[in-house]
């Protein structure tokens, strides 16, 4: 299986090993895990697209203030807006870890991107991050005009844990804010498929970067109770998905979570939701960070941007 990796993905792995092995996942090592993750992302955030504006703001949320970061690729008024939640297993990641990620999306789409630094697990569990996104949407009501944003064209997206947060948020918004979101861009997320699938059997070992021990730690840190595991916003594939906005799904071939994306695509189609699903060969979970080395990462960012441009085209 390892021999099937794209050569550029192998170069990425070699670069990432310069920081040494990640700490064993546990509540006691969460601080070390977060530090190691940020160190491993530093190189990938050093060469980034320029923006016309990058500014941080504070947003009041139910669990305490959070930071958000606005990326504007141009000074045009009334830019469409992508709300973005970062990945990191709900446990680590922040605005800096995904700086290049957000700049790539903004630069290639022409959209503004608002990155949300939601509260992390295990200190804060489901559904706290969803409440953070909702608080950000409320905050935008009074700030959009001042910031040059068009709230009539808003999408939501995220990678990995961020994708799970955003589809859960979109399910909530069907009642309170129908038609607010015009698009979802969901990148190698876990939508509740479980371990009994082909991609888990093929790529669920530690060699592929997202082993069983780490997956269990992430899930246990974020989902505390059985009723939360059964919540429709977590068990997405067992839920009613009618009324969601169009969805663009992006998946890494050699990722234990891969099969979640085509399974979700099938479920969305059955619910009458427009969906497109991309699968990128020879790459691992998290590959879209690696635009400095990886042509497949660049191609995926172009596909994500194209999904946004399609809905904002005149």
Protein backbone atom coordinates (compact mmCIF):
# COMPACT_ATOMS: atom_id res chain seq x y z
CA UNK A 1 0.00 0.00 0.00
CA UNK A 2 2.78 2.44 0.90
CA UNK A 3 4.29 1.88 -2.55
CA UNK A 4 1.10 3.36 -4.05
CA UNK A 5 1.75 6.76 -2.52
CA UNK A 6 2.33 9.63 -4.91
CA UNK A 7 6.09 10.46 -4.99
CA UNK A 8 5.35 14.00 -3.89
CA UNK A 9 3.37 12.65 -0.93
CA UNK A 10 6.43 10.63 0.07
CA UNK A 11 8.49 13.83 0.00
CA UNK A 12 5.88 15.48 2.25
CA UNK A 13 6.11 12.62 4.74
CA UNK A 14 9.90 12.88 4.80
CA UNK A 15 9.66 16.62 5.46
CA UNK A 16 7.16 16.13 8.27
CA UNK A 17 9.35 13.54 10.02
CA UNK A 18 11.93 16.26 10.68
CA UNK A 19 9.89 17.20 13.76
CA UNK A 20 10.13 13.72 15.22
CA UNK A 21 7.25 11.43 16.20
CA UNK A 22 4.04 12.93 17.51
CA UNK A 23 3.33 12.38 21.22
CA UNK A 24 1.14 9.40 22.09
CA UNK A 25 -2.44 10.69 22.26
CA UNK A 26 -3.80 11.20 25.77
CA UNK A 27 -5.44 13.88 27.86
CA UNK A 28 -2.08 14.41 29.59
CA UNK A 29 -0.25 15.05 26.31
CA UNK A 30 -2.78 17.36 24.64
CA UNK A 31 -0.51 20.38 25.05
CA UNK A 32 2.40 18.51 23.47
CA UNK A 33 0.17 17.24 20.66
CA UNK A 34 -0.93 20.78 19.84
CA UNK A 35 2.63 22.10 19.91
CA UNK A 36 3.89 19.29 17.66
CA UNK A 37 1.05 19.85 15.18
CA UNK A 38 1.79 23.56 14.90
CA UNK A 39 5.51 22.87 14.41
CA UNK A 40 4.70 20.37 11.66
CA UNK A 41 2.57 22.98 9.87
CA UNK A 42 5.05 25.87 10.11
CA UNK A 43 6.99 25.02 6.93
CA UNK A 44 3.78 24.64 4.91
CA UNK A 45 2.64 28.14 5.93
CA UNK A 46 5.85 29.97 4.97
CA UNK A 47 5.14 30.55 1.26
CA UNK A 48 1.59 31.80 0.98
CA UNK A 49 -0.53 33.87 -1.42
CA UNK A 50 -0.70 37.59 -0.67
CA UNK A 51 -4.02 39.00 0.46
CA UNK A 52 -5.45 42.50 0.19
CA UNK A 53 -6.49 42.21 3.83
CA UNK A 54 -5.93 39.80 6.70
CA UNK A 55 -7.41 40.80 10.04
CA UNK A 56 -8.32 39.05 13.29
CA UNK A 57 -11.47 39.77 15.29
CA UNK A 58 -12.93 38.61 18.58
CA UNK A 59 -16.40 37.04 18.65
CA UNK A 60 -18.48 36.45 21.76
CA UNK A 61 -19.65 32.83 21.89
CA UNK A 62 -21.56 30.85 24.55
CA UNK A 63 -18.44 29.09 25.85
CA UNK A 64 -16.31 32.24 25.79
CA UNK A 65 -14.77 34.57 23.23
CA UNK A 66 -13.20 33.07 20.11
CA UNK A 67 -10.96 34.54 17.43
CA UNK A 68 -11.81 34.67 13.75
CA UNK A 69 -9.56 35.71 10.88
CA UNK A 70 -10.81 37.38 7.71
CA UNK A 71 -8.92 36.90 4.44
CA UNK A 72 -9.85 39.23 1.58
CA UNK A 73 -8.14 38.53 -1.75
CA UNK A 74 -9.17 41.90 -3.20
CA UNK A 75 -10.54 45.28 -2.17
CA UNK A 76 -13.77 44.75 -4.11
CA UNK A 77 -16.94 45.55 -2.22
CA UNK A 78 -19.53 42.88 -1.42
CA UNK A 79 -17.27 39.85 -1.65
CA UNK A 80 -18.94 36.45 -1.28
CA UNK A 81 -17.88 34.70 1.92
CA UNK A 82 -16.66 31.24 2.85
CA UNK A 83 -16.94 30.37 6.55
CA UNK A 84 -14.12 27.92 7.31
CA UNK A 85 -13.42 25.55 10.22
CA UNK A 86 -9.98 23.98 10.49
CA UNK A 87 -9.19 20.32 11.00
CA UNK A 88 -7.15 18.70 13.75
CA UNK A 89 -9.35 15.99 15.21
CA UNK A 90 -11.34 18.59 17.21
CA UNK A 91 -8.27 18.60 19.51
CA UNK A 92 -5.64 20.76 17.82
CA UNK A 93 -5.19 23.28 15.03
CA UNK A 94 -5.88 27.01 15.00
CA UNK A 95 -5.88 30.05 12.74
CA UNK A 96 -2.12 29.79 12.14
CA UNK A 97 -2.06 26.07 11.32
CA UNK A 98 -4.45 26.66 8.41
CA UNK A 99 -3.21 30.06 7.26
CA UNK A 100 -1.97 28.84 3.87
CA UNK A 101 -5.06 26.66 3.48
CA UNK A 102 -7.37 29.66 3.83
CA UNK A 103 -5.21 31.91 1.67
CA UNK A 104 -5.21 29.30 -1.10
CA UNK A 105 -9.01 29.10 -1.02
CA UNK A 106 -9.40 32.88 -1.02
CA UNK A 107 -6.79 33.49 -3.72
CA UNK A 108 -8.10 30.83 -6.11
CA UNK A 109 -11.81 31.53 -5.63
CA UNK A 110 -11.83 35.31 -5.31
CA UNK A 111 -13.99 34.87 -2.19
CA UNK A 112 -13.35 36.24 1.25
CA UNK A 113 -12.64 33.51 3.81
CA UNK A 114 -13.50 33.82 7.48
CA UNK A 115 -11.60 31.22 9.53
CA UNK A 116 -13.15 30.33 12.89
CA UNK A 117 -10.91 29.37 15.82
CA UNK A 118 -13.55 27.30 17.61
CA UNK A 119 -13.14 25.87 21.11
CA UNK A 120 -11.13 22.64 21.15
CA UNK A 121 -11.69 19.26 22.78
CA UNK A 122 -11.25 17.69 25.25
CA UNK A 123 -11.84 20.92 27.19
CA UNK A 124 -14.91 21.66 25.04
CA UNK A 125 -17.02 18.89 23.58
CA UNK A 126 -19.83 18.57 21.03
CA UNK A 127 -21.79 20.69 20.25
CA UNK A 128 -19.65 23.64 21.43
CA UNK A 129 -17.88 24.21 18.07
CA UNK A 130 -21.25 24.32 16.29
CA UNK A 131 -22.36 27.01 18.73
CA UNK A 132 -19.14 28.91 17.95
CA UNK A 133 -20.00 28.90 14.24
CA UNK A 134 -23.55 30.07 14.97
CA UNK A 135 -22.16 32.88 17.15
CA UNK A 136 -19.90 33.91 14.27
CA UNK A 137 -22.87 34.05 11.91
CA UNK A 138 -24.73 36.25 14.40
CA UNK A 139 -21.66 38.49 14.73
CA UNK A 140 -21.51 38.88 10.95
CA UNK A 141 -25.02 40.36 10.88
CA UNK A 142 -23.69 43.59 12.34
CA UNK A 143 -20.27 43.56 10.64
CA UNK A 144 -20.74 42.44 7.03
CA UNK A 145 -21.35 45.86 5.48
CA UNK A 146 -18.41 47.39 7.32
CA UNK A 147 -16.15 44.53 6.18
CA UNK A 148 -17.28 44.58 2.56
CA UNK A 149 -18.95 41.17 2.63
CA UNK A 150 -22.05 40.01 0.79
CA UNK A 151 -24.15 37.87 3.13
CA UNK A 152 -26.45 36.91 0.27
CA UNK A 153 -23.66 34.62 -1.03
CA UNK A 154 -22.25 32.60 1.87
CA UNK A 155 -20.75 29.10 1.84
CA UNK A 156 -19.35 26.95 4.64
CA UNK A 157 -16.41 24.60 4.49
CA UNK A 158 -13.78 22.81 6.48
CA UNK A 159 -11.24 20.03 6.42
CA UNK A 160 -11.45 16.85 8.51
CA UNK A 161 -12.96 17.80 11.89
CA UNK A 162 -13.90 21.15 10.37
CA UNK A 163 -15.94 19.40 7.68
CA UNK A 164 -17.88 17.49 10.36
CA UNK A 165 -18.54 20.71 12.26
CA UNK A 166 -19.76 22.50 9.16
CA UNK A 167 -22.17 19.85 7.93
CA UNK A 168 -23.59 19.63 11.45
CA UNK A 169 -24.01 23.42 11.47
CA UNK A 170 -25.66 23.34 8.04
CA UNK A 171 -28.18 20.80 9.33
CA UNK A 172 -29.07 23.19 12.18
CA UNK A 173 -29.36 26.18 9.85
CA UNK A 174 -32.08 24.52 7.77
CA UNK A 175 -34.56 25.58 10.44
CA UNK A 176 -33.21 28.90 11.73
CA UNK A 177 -31.52 30.28 8.59
CA UNK A 178 -33.05 28.50 5.56
CA UNK A 179 -31.22 29.35 2.32
CA UNK A 180 -28.43 31.19 4.19
CA UNK A 181 -25.73 28.78 2.98
CA UNK A 182 -25.40 28.47 -0.78
CA UNK A 183 -22.69 25.77 -0.80
CA UNK A 184 -20.80 23.36 1.42
CA UNK A 185 -17.16 22.47 0.69
CA UNK A 186 -16.37 19.42 2.82
CA UNK A 187 -12.81 18.10 2.76
CA UNK A 188 -11.93 14.54 3.91
CA UNK A 189 -14.40 14.51 6.77
CA UNK A 190 -15.85 11.77 8.96
CA UNK A 191 -19.62 11.66 8.54
CA UNK A 192 -20.32 8.63 10.72
CA UNK A 193 -19.52 5.68 8.46
CA UNK A 194 -17.63 3.79 11.19
CA UNK A 195 -14.71 1.39 10.92
CA UNK A 196 -16.42 -1.34 8.89
CA UNK A 197 -15.48 -0.03 5.44
CA UNK A 198 -12.82 -0.72 2.87
CA UNK A 199 -10.79 2.48 3.37
CA UNK A 200 -10.54 1.80 7.11
CA UNK A 201 -9.31 -1.74 6.46
CA UNK A 202 -6.76 -0.62 3.88
CA UNK A 203 -5.48 2.65 5.35
CA UNK A 204 -6.43 2.58 9.04
CA UNK A 205 -2.95 1.65 10.29
CA UNK A 206 -0.48 4.07 11.89
CA UNK A 207 1.70 4.05 8.77
CA UNK A 208 -0.92 6.13 6.98
CA UNK A 209 -0.92 8.83 9.69
CA UNK A 210 -4.39 8.41 11.17
CA UNK A 211 -4.23 5.17 13.11
CA UNK A 212 -6.91 3.59 15.28
CA UNK A 213 -5.47 4.89 18.57
CA UNK A 214 -5.43 8.49 17.33
CA UNK A 215 -8.92 8.23 15.80
CA UNK A 216 -10.31 6.82 19.04
CA UNK A 217 -8.71 9.60 21.05
CA UNK A 218 -10.14 12.30 18.81
CA UNK A 219 -13.62 10.82 18.90
CA UNK A 220 -13.60 10.19 22.65
CA UNK A 221 -12.32 13.70 23.32
CA UNK A 222 -15.11 15.32 21.31
CA UNK A 223 -18.09 12.99 21.70
CA UNK A 224 -18.63 12.33 25.39
CA UNK A 225 -22.03 10.65 25.56
CA UNK A 226 -23.88 7.97 23.62
CA UNK A 227 -26.72 10.39 22.89
CA UNK A 228 -24.17 12.69 21.25
CA UNK A 229 -22.88 9.83 19.09
CA UNK A 230 -26.47 9.31 17.93
CA UNK A 231 -27.12 13.01 17.35
CA UNK A 232 -28.06 13.61 13.67
CA UNK A 233 -25.32 16.24 13.42
CA UNK A 234 -22.73 13.57 14.28
CA UNK A 235 -24.29 10.44 12.76
CA UNK A 236 -24.79 12.34 9.52
CA UNK A 237 -25.10 9.26 7.30
CA UNK A 238 -28.03 8.03 9.39
CA UNK A 239 -29.82 11.39 9.22
CA UNK A 240 -32.27 13.25 7.02
CA UNK A 241 -30.18 15.42 4.68
CA UNK A 242 -33.00 16.97 2.66
CA UNK A 243 -32.79 20.74 2.38
CA UNK A 244 -29.02 21.06 2.60
CA UNK A 245 -27.28 23.38 0.12
CA UNK A 246 -25.25 21.92 -2.78
CA UNK A 247 -22.17 20.05 -1.56
CA UNK A 248 -18.66 19.64 -2.96
CA UNK A 249 -16.85 16.69 -1.36
CA UNK A 250 -13.08 16.24 -1.56
CA UNK A 251 -11.45 12.99 -0.39
CA UNK A 252 -7.94 11.55 -0.20
CA UNK A 253 -7.65 8.06 -1.71
CA UNK A 254 -5.28 6.65 0.94
CA UNK A 255 -7.19 7.91 3.95
CA UNK A 256 -9.13 5.72 6.40
CA UNK A 257 -11.93 8.31 6.18
CA UNK A 258 -12.07 8.17 2.37
CA UNK A 259 -15.23 6.06 2.08
CA UNK A 260 -17.20 8.55 4.16
CA UNK A 261 -17.25 10.95 1.21
CA UNK A 262 -18.75 8.70 -1.51
CA UNK A 263 -21.18 7.33 1.09
CA UNK A 264 -22.28 10.87 1.89
CA UNK A 265 -22.53 11.71 -1.81
CA UNK A 266 -24.88 8.78 -2.32
CA UNK A 267 -27.01 9.82 0.65
CA UNK A 268 -27.17 13.43 -0.55
CA UNK A 269 -28.20 12.39 -4.04
CA UNK A 270 -31.01 10.28 -2.58
CA UNK A 271 -32.16 13.34 -0.61
CA UNK A 272 -32.21 15.49 -3.73
CA UNK A 273 -29.17 17.58 -2.79
CA UNK A 274 -26.81 18.51 -5.65
CA UNK A 275 -23.40 17.00 -4.95
CA UNK A 276 -20.03 16.45 -6.59
CA UNK A 277 -17.40 14.14 -5.09
CA UNK A 278 -13.69 14.30 -5.94
CA UNK A 279 -11.20 11.62 -4.91
CA UNK A 280 -7.48 12.34 -5.26
CA UNK A 281 -5.16 9.38 -5.91
CA UNK A 282 -1.99 8.54 -4.02
CA UNK A 283 -2.40 11.03 -1.18
CA UNK A 284 -3.06 10.85 2.56
CA UNK A 285 -5.44 12.56 4.96
CA UNK A 286 -4.43 16.22 5.30
CA UNK A 287 -2.84 16.45 1.86
CA UNK A 288 -4.35 19.85 1.02
CA UNK A 289 -1.89 21.58 3.37
CA UNK A 290 1.03 20.65 1.16
CA UNK A 291 0.79 23.00 -1.83
CA UNK A 292 4.56 23.70 -1.66
CA UNK A 293 5.40 20.11 -2.65
CA UNK A 294 2.25 18.45 -3.90
CA UNK A 295 0.61 19.09 -7.27
CA UNK A 296 -2.43 17.05 -6.21
CA UNK A 297 -2.95 19.48 -3.34
CA UNK A 298 -2.94 22.38 -5.79
CA UNK A 299 -5.45 20.56 -8.00
CA UNK A 300 -7.76 19.97 -5.03
CA UNK A 301 -7.64 23.63 -4.03
CA UNK A 302 -8.55 24.55 -7.60
CA UNK A 303 -11.53 22.18 -7.45
CA UNK A 304 -12.70 23.66 -4.15
CA UNK A 305 -12.37 27.17 -5.55
CA UNK A 306 -14.25 26.18 -8.70
CA UNK A 307 -17.18 24.94 -6.60
CA UNK A 308 -17.36 28.38 -4.98
CA UNK A 309 -16.97 30.35 -8.19
CA UNK A 310 -19.76 28.34 -9.79
CA UNK A 311 -22.34 29.66 -7.34
CA UNK A 312 -21.10 33.26 -7.39
CA UNK A 313 -20.87 33.52 -11.19
CA UNK A 314 -23.22 36.13 -12.68
